[in-house]
Amino acid sequence: MSLAIVILNWNGKHFLERFLPLLEKRSRIPGAFIVVADNGSSDNSCEYVEENHPGVLLVRMESNFGFTGGYNRALESIEADYFLLLNSDVEVSRGWLDPLVQAMNSNPKMGICMPKIRSAYSMNTFEYAGASGGFIDFFGYPFCRGRILSRIERDEGQYDQSMEIFWASGAAMLIRSSLFRELGGFDDSFFAHMEEIDLCWRAKQKGWQVWVIPESMVYHVGGGTLPNNNPMKLFYNYRNNLVMLYKNLPESRLYITFIIRFLMDFAASVIFLLQFKFNYFGAVIKAYADFFRKKSGIKRDDLLVNRKLTGIYRGSIILSYFLRGSRLRFFDIGADIT
């Protein structure tokens, strides 16, 4: 078994200095090796790796191809049975790697898995981008076991059971290299944000399983590229979510879902406007405009069917959140998830 731990870096020298030494110490299992794939950094990241971590393989790219394009290009040149995609702003814990590999080796239907992700700032709290496994609701809005919209739970072991989920976080994701290549990698058009949900959705459509293995745990800084309150991040999240739905929903659900999504997103944009968050309002409008401009070029799988997929909430996570308020937890809706 060979495993490539691949860090996609863009001007993240400060993260490499902080987290790469720990990663080397805590990832020493047979067959594992570390790769830093650099997305055209200008902060001497490559020089730092070459001078201080000679055992790390360095892949240089001439410019910033984003999360999607960067990984797609880097992984073309890497040979391994498994790819473990790891953000540069992630601190791994002791013994983090074995549970992921063992879970994958023991379940031939498992194509993708992820560790439990806590915040590097508040180390007993789940992290926004992944927590203890990702899910979506009936209308395509993502949420996590341990994070629903802006509400993030403290980790008290309540979600320590391994389970099948809908999506694994791109901050720390283990995937079979054969599956990554079968799927054609990430969708390059996404650039960044929600590409891992799209990848997992396509994997599940082909009959693969996606799991969270909480016995493995990492700590994620988050917002290393774009902070959560950045209008550009909002644009990518809205635009890419629409692209993802258009690509992956079967014809029977496509149009009714888009009608309801438009109404909900329009309501959100009006709220931004009333709050004088004009940049946020503009990001939503820009996302829809960009989606419709590119819609004719988006490739849909004409063979999509209503396959029953694990990890979908049968209701609206937005409506449930506003009806129950900030007290809403994953436990409250778990019974309504397929």
C-alpha atoms as a PDB file:
ATOM      1  CA  MET A   1       0.000   0.000   0.000  1.00  0.00           C
ATOM      2  CA  SER A   2       1.297   3.448  -0.928  1.00  0.00           C
ATOM      3  CA  LEU A   3      -0.203   6.711   0.307  1.00  0.00           C
ATOM      4  CA  ALA A   4       0.616  10.236  -0.850  1.00  0.00           C
ATOM      5  CA  ILE A   5      -0.217  12.984   1.664  1.00  0.00           C
ATOM      6  CA  VAL A   6      -0.569  15.963  -0.657  1.00  0.00           C
ATOM      7  CA  ILE A   7      -0.605  19.546   0.627  1.00  0.00           C
ATOM      8  CA  LEU A   8      -1.711  22.158  -1.882  1.00  0.00           C
ATOM      9  CA  ASN A   9       0.085  25.372  -0.982  1.00  0.00           C
ATOM     10  CA  TRP A  10      -0.317  28.954  -2.117  1.00  0.00           C
ATOM     11  CA  ASN A  11       1.673  31.570  -0.195  1.00  0.00           C
ATOM     12  CA  GLY A  12       1.290  29.478   2.944  1.00  0.00           C
ATOM     13  CA  LYS A  13       4.894  29.407   4.121  1.00  0.00           C
ATOM     14  CA  HIS A  14       3.798  30.411   7.640  1.00  0.00           C
ATOM     15  CA  PHE A  15       1.479  27.394   7.757  1.00  0.00           C
ATOM     16  CA  LEU A  16       4.166  25.064   6.405  1.00  0.00           C
ATOM     17  CA  GLU A  17       6.595  26.271   9.056  1.00  0.00           C
ATOM     18  CA  ARG A  18       3.995  25.649  11.741  1.00  0.00           C
ATOM     19  CA  PHE A  19       2.434  22.370  10.650  1.00  0.00           C
ATOM     20  CA  LEU A  20       4.763  20.486   8.295  1.00  0.00           C
ATOM     21  CA  PRO A  21       7.255  19.376  11.005  1.00  0.00           C
ATOM     22  CA  LEU A  22       4.380  17.865  13.030  1.00  0.00           C
ATOM     23  CA  LEU A  23       2.982  16.166   9.951  1.00  0.00           C
ATOM     24  CA  GLU A  24       6.314  14.485   9.249  1.00  0.00           C
ATOM     25  CA  LYS A  25       6.594  13.225  12.829  1.00  0.00           C
ATOM     26  CA  ARG A  26       3.016  11.966  13.034  1.00  0.00           C
ATOM     27  CA  SER A  27       2.625  10.316   9.622  1.00  0.00           C
ATOM     28  CA  ARG A  28       5.287   7.634   9.742  1.00  0.00           C
ATOM     29  CA  ILE A  29       3.476   4.559   8.528  1.00  0.00           C
ATOM     30  CA  PRO A  30       4.758   2.138   5.872  1.00  0.00           C
ATOM     31  CA  GLY A  31       4.150   3.363   2.351  1.00  0.00           C
ATOM     32  CA  ALA A  32       3.263   6.954   3.269  1.00  0.00           C
ATOM     33  CA  PHE A  33       5.088   9.957   1.819  1.00  0.00           C
ATOM     34  CA  ILE A  34       4.443  13.710   1.845  1.00  0.00           C
ATOM     35  CA  VAL A  35       4.089  15.993  -1.159  1.00  0.00           C
ATOM     36  CA  VAL A  36       3.843  19.786  -1.200  1.00  0.00           C
ATOM     37  CA  ALA A  37       2.187  20.911  -4.434  1.00  0.00           C
ATOM     38  CA  ASP A  38       2.877  24.616  -4.796  1.00  0.00           C
ATOM     39  CA  ASN A  39       0.381  26.783  -6.689  1.00  0.00           C
ATOM     40  CA  GLY A  40       2.844  29.424  -7.903  1.00  0.00           C
ATOM     41  CA  SER A  41       3.654  30.920  -4.475  1.00  0.00           C
ATOM     42  CA  SER A  42       5.660  34.145  -4.196  1.00  0.00           C
ATOM     43  CA  ASP A  43       6.534  33.878  -0.472  1.00  0.00           C
ATOM     44  CA  ASN A  44       9.526  31.496  -0.728  1.00  0.00           C
ATOM     45  CA  SER A  45       7.415  28.496   0.257  1.00  0.00           C
ATOM     46  CA  CYS A  46       9.314  26.254  -2.163  1.00  0.00           C
ATOM     47  CA  GLU A  47      12.700  27.392  -0.886  1.00  0.00           C
ATOM     48  CA  TYR A  48      11.583  26.705   2.683  1.00  0.00           C
ATOM     49  CA  VAL A  49      10.516  23.145   1.835  1.00  0.00           C
ATOM     50  CA  GLU A  50      13.699  22.398  -0.103  1.00  0.00           C
ATOM     51  CA  GLU A  51      15.972  23.723   2.641  1.00  0.00           C
ATOM     52  CA  ASN A  52      14.187  22.353   5.702  1.00  0.00           C
ATOM     53  CA  HIS A  53      12.283  19.241   4.570  1.00  0.00           C
ATOM     54  CA  PRO A  54      14.420  17.300   2.084  1.00  0.00           C
ATOM     55  CA  GLY A  55      12.270  14.189   2.563  1.00  0.00           C
ATOM     56  CA  VAL A  56       9.190  15.994   1.233  1.00  0.00           C
ATOM     57  CA  LEU A  57       8.494  15.781  -2.492  1.00  0.00           C
ATOM     58  CA  LEU A  58       7.952  19.223  -4.017  1.00  0.00           C
ATOM     59  CA  VAL A  59       5.745  19.731  -7.070  1.00  0.00           C
ATOM     60  CA  ARG A  60       5.976  23.243  -8.526  1.00  0.00           C
ATOM     61  CA  MET A  61       3.258  24.825 -10.651  1.00  0.00           C
ATOM     62  CA  GLU A  62       3.796  28.048 -12.541  1.00  0.00           C
ATOM     63  CA  SER A  63       0.691  29.887 -11.309  1.00  0.00           C
ATOM     64  CA  ASN A  64      -2.296  29.646  -8.977  1.00  0.00           C
ATOM     65  CA  PHE A  65      -4.764  27.150 -10.445  1.00  0.00           C
ATOM     66  CA  GLY A  66      -7.016  27.239  -7.387  1.00  0.00           C
ATOM     67  CA  PHE A  67      -7.912  24.285  -5.193  1.00  0.00           C
ATOM     68  CA  THR A  68      -9.438  22.307  -8.035  1.00  0.00           C
ATOM     69  CA  GLY A  69      -6.943  22.929 -10.801  1.00  0.00           C
ATOM     70  CA  GLY A  70      -3.984  22.760  -8.451  1.00  0.00           C
ATOM     71  CA  TYR A  71      -4.862  19.327  -7.132  1.00  0.00           C
ATOM     72  CA  ASN A  72      -5.862  18.033 -10.547  1.00  0.00           C
ATOM     73  CA  ARG A  73      -2.511  19.007 -12.034  1.00  0.00           C
ATOM     74  CA  ALA A  74      -0.412  17.882  -9.086  1.00  0.00           C
ATOM     75  CA  LEU A  75      -2.030  14.458  -8.717  1.00  0.00           C
ATOM     76  CA  GLU A  76      -1.463  13.664 -12.389  1.00  0.00           C
ATOM     77  CA  SER A  77       2.252  13.271 -11.608  1.00  0.00           C
ATOM     78  CA  ILE A  78       1.907  11.336  -8.328  1.00  0.00           C
ATOM     79  CA  GLU A  79       1.663   7.555  -8.176  1.00  0.00           C
ATOM     80  CA  ALA A  80       0.090   6.040  -5.063  1.00  0.00           C
ATOM     81  CA  ASP A  81      -2.794   3.764  -4.106  1.00  0.00           C
ATOM     82  CA  TYR A  82      -4.357   6.460  -1.938  1.00  0.00           C
ATOM     83  CA  PHE A  83      -4.292  10.259  -2.039  1.00  0.00           C
ATOM     84  CA  LEU A  84      -4.734  12.115   1.239  1.00  0.00           C
ATOM     85  CA  LEU A  85      -5.554  15.727   0.447  1.00  0.00           C
ATOM     86  CA  LEU A  86      -4.553  17.960   3.359  1.00  0.00           C
ATOM     87  CA  ASN A  87      -4.838  21.721   3.710  1.00  0.00           C
ATOM     88  CA  SER A  88      -1.650  23.550   4.617  1.00  0.00           C
ATOM     89  CA  ASP A  89      -3.419  25.048   7.667  1.00  0.00           C
ATOM     90  CA  VAL A  90      -4.161  21.687   9.315  1.00  0.00           C
ATOM     91  CA  GLU A  91      -2.460  20.303  12.424  1.00  0.00           C
ATOM     92  CA  VAL A  92      -2.632  16.522  12.655  1.00  0.00           C
ATOM     93  CA  SER A  93      -2.898  14.702  15.973  1.00  0.00           C
ATOM     94  CA  ARG A  94      -0.880  11.700  17.089  1.00  0.00           C
ATOM     95  CA  GLY A  95      -2.127   8.476  15.527  1.00  0.00           C
ATOM     96  CA  TRP A  96      -4.343  10.308  13.064  1.00  0.00           C
ATOM     97  CA  LEU A  97      -3.403   8.363   9.943  1.00  0.00           C
ATOM     98  CA  ASP A  98      -3.808   4.698  10.897  1.00  0.00           C
ATOM     99  CA  PRO A  99      -7.604   4.779  11.518  1.00  0.00           C
ATOM    100  CA  LEU A 100      -8.260   6.294   8.079  1.00  0.00           C
ATOM    101  CA  VAL A 101      -6.109   3.781   6.230  1.00  0.00           C
ATOM    102  CA  GLN A 102      -7.459   0.831   8.226  1.00  0.00           C
ATOM    103  CA  ALA A 103     -11.048   1.909   7.545  1.00  0.00           C
ATOM    104  CA  MET A 104     -10.374   2.168   3.830  1.00  0.00           C
ATOM    105  CA  ASN A 105      -8.538  -1.155   3.696  1.00  0.00           C
ATOM    106  CA  SER A 106     -11.332  -2.957   5.555  1.00  0.00           C
ATOM    107  CA  ASN A 107     -14.218  -1.691   3.393  1.00  0.00           C
ATOM    108  CA  PRO A 108     -13.828  -2.141  -0.379  1.00  0.00           C
ATOM    109  CA  LYS A 109     -16.960  -0.009  -0.979  1.00  0.00           C
ATOM    110  CA  MET A 110     -15.454   2.986   0.831  1.00  0.00           C
ATOM    111  CA  GLY A 111     -14.033   5.339  -1.766  1.00  0.00           C
ATOM    112  CA  ILE A 112     -13.539   8.431   0.377  1.00  0.00           C
ATOM    113  CA  CYS A 113     -13.199   9.100   4.101  1.00  0.00           C
ATOM    114  CA  MET A 114     -12.275  11.954   6.406  1.00  0.00           C
ATOM    115  CA  PRO A 115     -11.182  12.488  10.020  1.00  0.00           C
ATOM    116  CA  LYS A 116     -13.065  14.465  12.625  1.00  0.00           C
ATOM    117  CA  ILE A 117     -12.075  18.127  12.292  1.00  0.00           C
ATOM    118  CA  ARG A 118     -11.784  20.459  15.262  1.00  0.00           C
ATOM    119  CA  SER A 119     -10.931  24.148  15.274  1.00  0.00           C
ATOM    120  CA  ALA A 120      -7.264  25.078  15.716  1.00  0.00           C
ATOM    121  CA  TYR A 121      -8.435  28.208  17.563  1.00  0.00           C
ATOM    122  CA  SER A 122     -10.875  26.547  19.966  1.00  0.00           C
ATOM    123  CA  MET A 123      -9.516  23.041  20.170  1.00  0.00           C
ATOM    124  CA  ASN A 124     -12.539  21.484  21.897  1.00  0.00           C
ATOM    125  CA  THR A 125     -14.932  22.851  19.281  1.00  0.00           C
ATOM    126  CA  PHE A 126     -15.783  21.468  15.865  1.00  0.00           C
ATOM    127  CA  GLU A 127     -14.451  23.320  12.831  1.00  0.00           C
ATOM    128  CA  TYR A 128     -16.807  24.892  10.328  1.00  0.00           C
ATOM    129  CA  ALA A 129     -15.543  23.130   7.196  1.00  0.00           C
ATOM    130  CA  GLY A 130     -16.225  19.491   7.941  1.00  0.00           C
ATOM    131  CA  ALA A 131     -16.749  18.938  11.679  1.00  0.00           C
ATOM    132  CA  SER A 132     -17.669  15.244  12.069  1.00  0.00           C
ATOM    133  CA  GLY A 133     -18.971  14.610   8.564  1.00  0.00           C
ATOM    134  CA  GLY A 134     -20.790  16.510   5.843  1.00  0.00           C
ATOM    135  CA  PHE A 135     -24.445  16.299   4.711  1.00  0.00           C
ATOM    136  CA  ILE A 136     -26.800  18.243   2.436  1.00  0.00           C
ATOM    137  CA  ASP A 137     -30.492  18.993   2.668  1.00  0.00           C
ATOM    138  CA  PHE A 138     -33.124  18.320  -0.001  1.00  0.00           C
ATOM    139  CA  PHE A 139     -32.358  21.645  -1.695  1.00  0.00           C
ATOM    140  CA  GLY A 140     -28.592  21.250  -1.756  1.00  0.00           C
ATOM    141  CA  TYR A 141     -27.554  23.343   1.240  1.00  0.00           C
ATOM    142  CA  PRO A 142     -24.591  21.713   3.023  1.00  0.00           C
ATOM    143  CA  PHE A 143     -24.191  21.279   6.779  1.00  0.00           C
ATOM    144  CA  CYS A 144     -22.180  19.074   9.122  1.00  0.00           C
ATOM    145  CA  ARG A 145     -22.530  16.749  12.056  1.00  0.00           C
ATOM    146  CA  GLY A 146     -21.451  19.304  14.642  1.00  0.00           C
ATOM    147  CA  ARG A 147     -22.073  22.459  12.543  1.00  0.00           C
ATOM    148  CA  ILE A 148     -25.391  23.672  11.197  1.00  0.00           C
ATOM    149  CA  LEU A 149     -25.198  26.977   9.328  1.00  0.00           C
ATOM    150  CA  SER A 150     -23.357  29.326  11.724  1.00  0.00           C
ATOM    151  CA  ARG A 151     -23.944  27.231  14.847  1.00  0.00           C
ATOM    152  CA  ILE A 152     -20.878  25.193  15.785  1.00  0.00           C
ATOM    153  CA  GLU A 153     -21.015  22.677  18.619  1.00  0.00           C
ATOM    154  CA  ARG A 154     -18.453  21.862  21.250  1.00  0.00           C
ATOM    155  CA  ASP A 155     -17.027  18.376  20.739  1.00  0.00           C
ATOM    156  CA  GLU A 156     -17.969  16.269  23.747  1.00  0.00           C
ATOM    157  CA  GLY A 157     -17.747  12.923  21.988  1.00  0.00           C
ATOM    158  CA  GLN A 158     -21.367  13.078  20.827  1.00  0.00           C
ATOM    159  CA  TYR A 159     -20.378  12.382  17.213  1.00  0.00           C
ATOM    160  CA  ASP A 160     -17.566   9.878  17.710  1.00  0.00           C
ATOM    161  CA  GLN A 161     -19.265   7.043  15.857  1.00  0.00           C
ATOM    162  CA  SER A 162     -17.947   6.296  12.369  1.00  0.00           C
ATOM    163  CA  MET A 163     -20.728   6.552   9.825  1.00  0.00           C
ATOM    164  CA  GLU A 164     -21.505   6.966   6.148  1.00  0.00           C
ATOM    165  CA  ILE A 165     -21.956  10.623   5.205  1.00  0.00           C
ATOM    166  CA  PHE A 166     -22.709  12.619   2.066  1.00  0.00           C
ATOM    167  CA  TRP A 167     -19.472  14.577   1.708  1.00  0.00           C
ATOM    168  CA  ALA A 168     -16.003  14.667   3.176  1.00  0.00           C
ATOM    169  CA  SER A 169     -14.149  17.915   3.752  1.00  0.00           C
ATOM    170  CA  GLY A 170     -11.430  18.851   1.294  1.00  0.00           C
ATOM    171  CA  ALA A 171      -9.412  20.103   4.266  1.00  0.00           C
ATOM    172  CA  ALA A 172      -8.535  16.477   5.067  1.00  0.00           C
ATOM    173  CA  MET A 173      -9.788  13.822   2.669  1.00  0.00           C
ATOM    174  CA  LEU A 174      -8.529  10.318   1.906  1.00  0.00           C
ATOM    175  CA  ILE A 175      -9.538   8.987  -1.520  1.00  0.00           C
ATOM    176  CA  ARG A 176      -8.572   5.998  -3.617  1.00  0.00           C
ATOM    177  CA  SER A 177      -6.379   7.267  -6.446  1.00  0.00           C
ATOM    178  CA  SER A 178      -8.217   5.006  -8.910  1.00  0.00           C
ATOM    179  CA  LEU A 179     -11.530   6.632  -7.940  1.00  0.00           C
ATOM    180  CA  PHE A 180     -10.116  10.155  -8.200  1.00  0.00           C
ATOM    181  CA  ARG A 181      -8.979   9.393 -11.739  1.00  0.00           C
ATOM    182  CA  GLU A 182     -12.189   7.570 -12.657  1.00  0.00           C
ATOM    183  CA  LEU A 183     -14.142  10.700 -11.701  1.00  0.00           C
ATOM    184  CA  GLY A 184     -11.774  12.945 -13.652  1.00  0.00           C
ATOM    185  CA  GLY A 185     -10.691  14.677 -10.450  1.00  0.00           C
ATOM    186  CA  PHE A 186     -12.267  17.880  -9.203  1.00  0.00           C
ATOM    187  CA  ASP A 187     -14.380  20.035 -11.484  1.00  0.00           C
ATOM    188  CA  ASP A 188     -11.869  22.667 -12.621  1.00  0.00           C
ATOM    189  CA  SER A 189     -14.592  25.268 -13.132  1.00  0.00           C
ATOM    190  CA  PHE A 190     -15.251  25.458  -9.383  1.00  0.00           C
ATOM    191  CA  PHE A 191     -11.774  26.948  -8.682  1.00  0.00           C
ATOM    192  CA  ALA A 192     -12.445  26.718  -4.928  1.00  0.00           C
ATOM    193  CA  HIS A 193     -15.269  25.859  -2.495  1.00  0.00           C
ATOM    194  CA  MET A 194     -17.800  22.999  -2.697  1.00  0.00           C
ATOM    195  CA  GLU A 195     -15.667  21.041  -5.143  1.00  0.00           C
ATOM    196  CA  GLU A 196     -15.327  18.246  -2.583  1.00  0.00           C
ATOM    197  CA  ILE A 197     -19.119  17.976  -2.246  1.00  0.00           C
ATOM    198  CA  ASP A 198     -19.448  17.674  -6.015  1.00  0.00           C
ATOM    199  CA  LEU A 199     -16.688  15.033  -6.081  1.00  0.00           C
ATOM    200  CA  CYS A 200     -18.332  12.988  -3.314  1.00  0.00           C
ATOM    201  CA  TRP A 201     -21.748  13.265  -4.973  1.00  0.00           C
ATOM    202  CA  ARG A 202     -20.343  11.914  -8.235  1.00  0.00           C
ATOM    203  CA  ALA A 203     -18.600   9.097  -6.346  1.00  0.00           C
ATOM    204  CA  LYS A 204     -21.842   8.139  -4.603  1.00  0.00           C
ATOM    205  CA  GLN A 205     -23.695   8.141  -7.923  1.00  0.00           C
ATOM    206  CA  LYS A 206     -21.258   5.441  -9.004  1.00  0.00           C
ATOM    207  CA  GLY A 207     -22.026   3.349  -5.930  1.00  0.00           C
ATOM    208  CA  TRP A 208     -19.083   4.332  -3.702  1.00  0.00           C
ATOM    209  CA  GLN A 209     -19.430   5.151  -0.014  1.00  0.00           C
ATOM    210  CA  VAL A 210     -18.148   8.246   1.813  1.00  0.00           C
ATOM    211  CA  TRP A 211     -17.372   7.949   5.537  1.00  0.00           C
ATOM    212  CA  VAL A 212     -16.191   9.942   8.535  1.00  0.00           C
ATOM    213  CA  ILE A 213     -13.774   8.169  10.896  1.00  0.00           C
ATOM    214  CA  PRO A 214     -13.765  10.236  14.134  1.00  0.00           C
ATOM    215  CA  GLU A 215     -11.095   8.025  15.719  1.00  0.00           C
ATOM    216  CA  SER A 216      -8.827  10.131  13.519  1.00  0.00           C
ATOM    217  CA  MET A 217      -8.739  13.838  14.407  1.00  0.00           C
ATOM    218  CA  VAL A 218      -7.115  16.968  12.981  1.00  0.00           C
ATOM    219  CA  TYR A 219      -7.240  20.673  13.824  1.00  0.00           C
ATOM    220  CA  HIS A 220      -8.027  23.175  11.067  1.00  0.00           C
ATOM    221  CA  VAL A 221      -7.278  26.904  11.134  1.00  0.00           C
ATOM    222  CA  GLY A 222      -9.765  27.611   8.312  1.00  0.00           C
ATOM    223  CA  GLY A 223     -10.118  30.669   6.124  1.00  0.00           C
ATOM    224  CA  GLY A 224      -6.490  30.409   5.071  1.00  0.00           C
ATOM    225  CA  THR A 225      -7.359  31.439   1.517  1.00  0.00           C
ATOM    226  CA  LEU A 226     -10.629  33.329   1.953  1.00  0.00           C
ATOM    227  CA  PRO A 227     -12.145  34.131   5.383  1.00  0.00           C
ATOM    228  CA  ASN A 228     -15.760  33.123   6.011  1.00  0.00           C
ATOM    229  CA  ASN A 229     -16.973  36.743   5.837  1.00  0.00           C
ATOM    230  CA  ASN A 230     -15.427  37.434   2.437  1.00  0.00           C
ATOM    231  CA  PRO A 231     -17.916  38.328  -0.357  1.00  0.00           C
ATOM    232  CA  MET A 232     -15.790  36.417  -2.880  1.00  0.00           C
ATOM    233  CA  LYS A 233     -16.175  33.249  -0.798  1.00  0.00           C
ATOM    234  CA  LEU A 234     -19.931  33.852  -0.718  1.00  0.00           C
ATOM    235  CA  PHE A 235     -19.896  34.177  -4.505  1.00  0.00           C
ATOM    236  CA  TYR A 236     -18.054  30.863  -4.964  1.00  0.00           C
ATOM    237  CA  ASN A 237     -20.328  29.082  -2.486  1.00  0.00           C
ATOM    238  CA  TYR A 238     -23.530  30.214  -4.200  1.00  0.00           C
ATOM    239  CA  ARG A 239     -22.272  29.835  -7.771  1.00  0.00           C
ATOM    240  CA  ASN A 240     -20.645  26.452  -7.217  1.00  0.00           C
ATOM    241  CA  ASN A 241     -23.642  25.119  -5.329  1.00  0.00           C
ATOM    242  CA  LEU A 242     -25.863  25.934  -8.305  1.00  0.00           C
ATOM    243  CA  VAL A 243     -23.404  24.273 -10.690  1.00  0.00           C
ATOM    244  CA  MET A 244     -23.241  21.214  -8.445  1.00  0.00           C
ATOM    245  CA  LEU A 245     -27.030  20.867  -8.337  1.00  0.00           C
ATOM    246  CA  TYR A 246     -27.364  21.314 -12.080  1.00  0.00           C
ATOM    247  CA  LYS A 247     -24.722  18.656 -12.720  1.00  0.00           C
ATOM    248  CA  ASN A 248     -25.930  16.033 -10.272  1.00  0.00           C
ATOM    249  CA  LEU A 249     -29.696  16.263  -9.811  1.00  0.00           C
ATOM    250  CA  PRO A 250     -31.817  13.923 -11.922  1.00  0.00           C
ATOM    251  CA  GLU A 251     -34.203  15.547 -14.375  1.00  0.00           C
ATOM    252  CA  SER A 252     -37.239  14.729 -12.222  1.00  0.00           C
ATOM    253  CA  ARG A 253     -35.953  16.928  -9.372  1.00  0.00           C
ATOM    254  CA  LEU A 254     -33.970  19.545 -11.226  1.00  0.00           C
ATOM    255  CA  TYR A 255     -36.472  22.262 -12.049  1.00  0.00           C
ATOM    256  CA  ILE A 256     -38.576  22.246  -8.881  1.00  0.00           C
ATOM    257  CA  THR A 257     -35.370  22.354  -6.832  1.00  0.00           C
ATOM    258  CA  PHE A 258     -34.093  25.344  -8.797  1.00  0.00           C
ATOM    259  CA  ILE A 259     -37.360  27.228  -8.423  1.00  0.00           C
ATOM    260  CA  ILE A 260     -37.350  26.794  -4.654  1.00  0.00           C
ATOM    261  CA  ARG A 261     -33.625  27.556  -4.433  1.00  0.00           C
ATOM    262  CA  PHE A 262     -34.097  30.779  -6.380  1.00  0.00           C
ATOM    263  CA  LEU A 263     -36.821  31.913  -3.972  1.00  0.00           C
ATOM    264  CA  MET A 264     -34.723  31.063  -0.904  1.00  0.00           C
ATOM    265  CA  ASP A 265     -31.566  32.665  -2.274  1.00  0.00           C
ATOM    266  CA  PHE A 266     -33.516  35.749  -3.362  1.00  0.00           C
ATOM    267  CA  ALA A 267     -34.826  36.064   0.200  1.00  0.00           C
ATOM    268  CA  ALA A 268     -31.281  35.806   1.532  1.00  0.00           C
ATOM    269  CA  SER A 269     -30.078  38.508  -0.853  1.00  0.00           C
ATOM    270  CA  VAL A 270     -32.887  40.839   0.257  1.00  0.00           C
ATOM    271  CA  ILE A 271     -31.849  40.314   3.892  1.00  0.00           C
ATOM    272  CA  PHE A 272     -28.269  41.254   2.966  1.00  0.00           C
ATOM    273  CA  LEU A 273     -29.618  44.377   1.272  1.00  0.00           C
ATOM    274  CA  LEU A 274     -31.716  45.371   4.292  1.00  0.00           C
ATOM    275  CA  GLN A 275     -28.644  44.882   6.491  1.00  0.00           C
ATOM    276  CA  PHE A 276     -26.685  47.227   4.189  1.00  0.00           C
ATOM    277  CA  LYS A 277     -24.338  44.365   3.274  1.00  0.00           C
ATOM    278  CA  PHE A 278     -24.169  45.486  -0.324  1.00  0.00           C
ATOM    279  CA  ASN A 279     -21.099  43.393  -1.138  1.00  0.00           C
ATOM    280  CA  TYR A 280     -22.919  40.243   0.014  1.00  0.00           C
ATOM    281  CA  PHE A 281     -26.028  41.172  -1.956  1.00  0.00           C
ATOM    282  CA  GLY A 282     -23.851  41.729  -5.017  1.00  0.00           C
ATOM    283  CA  ALA A 283     -22.085  38.392  -4.502  1.00  0.00           C
ATOM    284  CA  VAL A 284     -25.387  36.478  -4.665  1.00  0.00           C
ATOM    285  CA  ILE A 285     -26.535  38.345  -7.782  1.00  0.00           C
ATOM    286  CA  LYS A 286     -23.140  37.856  -9.412  1.00  0.00           C
ATOM    287  CA  ALA A 287     -23.238  34.123  -8.579  1.00  0.00           C
ATOM    288  CA  TYR A 288     -26.575  33.647 -10.325  1.00  0.00           C
ATOM    289  CA  ALA A 289     -25.498  35.733 -13.308  1.00  0.00           C
ATOM    290  CA  ASP A 290     -22.306  33.714 -13.681  1.00  0.00           C
ATOM    291  CA  PHE A 291     -24.173  30.422 -13.370  1.00  0.00           C
ATOM    292  CA  PHE A 292     -26.707  31.281 -16.079  1.00  0.00           C
ATOM    293  CA  ARG A 293     -23.978  32.655 -18.330  1.00  0.00           C
ATOM    294  CA  LYS A 294     -22.072  29.346 -18.122  1.00  0.00           C
ATOM    295  CA  LYS A 295     -25.053  27.004 -17.840  1.00  0.00           C
ATOM    296  CA  SER A 296     -25.004  25.833 -21.461  1.00  0.00           C
ATOM    297  CA  GLY A 297     -21.416  24.630 -21.057  1.00  0.00           C
ATOM    298  CA  ILE A 298     -21.991  22.669 -17.857  1.00  0.00           C
ATOM    299  CA  LYS A 299     -21.792  18.936 -18.471  1.00  0.00           C
ATOM    300  CA  ARG A 300     -24.699  16.929 -17.093  1.00  0.00           C
ATOM    301  CA  ASP A 301     -24.788  13.167 -16.843  1.00  0.00           C
ATOM    302  CA  ASP A 302     -27.797  12.199 -18.948  1.00  0.00           C
ATOM    303  CA  LEU A 303     -27.902   8.824 -17.202  1.00  0.00           C
ATOM    304  CA  LEU A 304     -28.587  10.306 -13.775  1.00  0.00           C
ATOM    305  CA  VAL A 305     -31.311   8.436 -11.908  1.00  0.00           C
ATOM    306  CA  ASN A 306     -33.030   8.790  -8.574  1.00  0.00           C
ATOM    307  CA  ARG A 307     -30.465   6.582  -6.816  1.00  0.00           C
ATOM    308  CA  LYS A 308     -31.050   6.577  -3.056  1.00  0.00           C
ATOM    309  CA  LEU A 309     -28.022   8.342  -1.624  1.00  0.00           C
ATOM    310  CA  THR A 310     -26.966   8.299   2.009  1.00  0.00           C
ATOM    311  CA  GLY A 311     -26.552  11.584   3.869  1.00  0.00           C
ATOM    312  CA  ILE A 312     -29.438  13.742   2.589  1.00  0.00           C
ATOM    313  CA  TYR A 313     -31.776  15.569   5.006  1.00  0.00           C
ATOM    314  CA  ARG A 314     -35.305  15.200   3.692  1.00  0.00           C
ATOM    315  CA  GLY A 315     -36.266  18.711   4.766  1.00  0.00           C
ATOM    316  CA  SER A 316     -34.808  22.215   4.565  1.00  0.00           C
ATOM    317  CA  ILE A 317     -31.899  22.896   6.912  1.00  0.00           C
ATOM    318  CA  ILE A 318     -32.514  26.646   6.478  1.00  0.00           C
ATOM    319  CA  LEU A 319     -36.167  26.388   7.542  1.00  0.00           C
ATOM    320  CA  SER A 320     -35.356  24.022  10.423  1.00  0.00           C
ATOM    321  CA  TYR A 321     -32.672  26.385  11.690  1.00  0.00           C
ATOM    322  CA  PHE A 322     -34.903  29.439  11.700  1.00  0.00           C
ATOM    323  CA  LEU A 323     -37.843  27.564  13.239  1.00  0.00           C
ATOM    324  CA  ARG A 324     -35.768  26.071  16.073  1.00  0.00           C
ATOM    325  CA  GLY A 325     -33.187  28.817  16.392  1.00  0.00           C
ATOM    326  CA  SER A 326     -29.564  28.424  17.371  1.00  0.00           C
ATOM    327  CA  ARG A 327     -30.419  25.439  19.589  1.00  0.00           C
ATOM    328  CA  LEU A 328     -30.709  23.194  16.544  1.00  0.00           C
ATOM    329  CA  ARG A 329     -28.208  20.332  16.564  1.00  0.00           C
ATOM    330  CA  PHE A 330     -27.552  17.413  14.269  1.00  0.00           C
ATOM    331  CA  PHE A 331     -29.196  15.129  16.844  1.00  0.00           C
ATOM    332  CA  ASP A 332     -32.482  16.980  16.352  1.00  0.00           C
ATOM    333  CA  ILE A 333     -32.722  16.124  12.657  1.00  0.00           C
ATOM    334  CA  GLY A 334     -30.730  12.882  12.447  1.00  0.00           C
ATOM    335  CA  ALA A 335     -33.854  10.754  12.185  1.00  0.00           C
ATOM    336  CA  ASP A 336     -34.828  12.620   8.984  1.00  0.00           C
ATOM    337  CA  ILE A 337     -31.537  11.928   7.208  1.00  0.00           C
ATOM    338  CA  THR A 338     -31.437   9.039   4.736  1.00  0.00           C
END
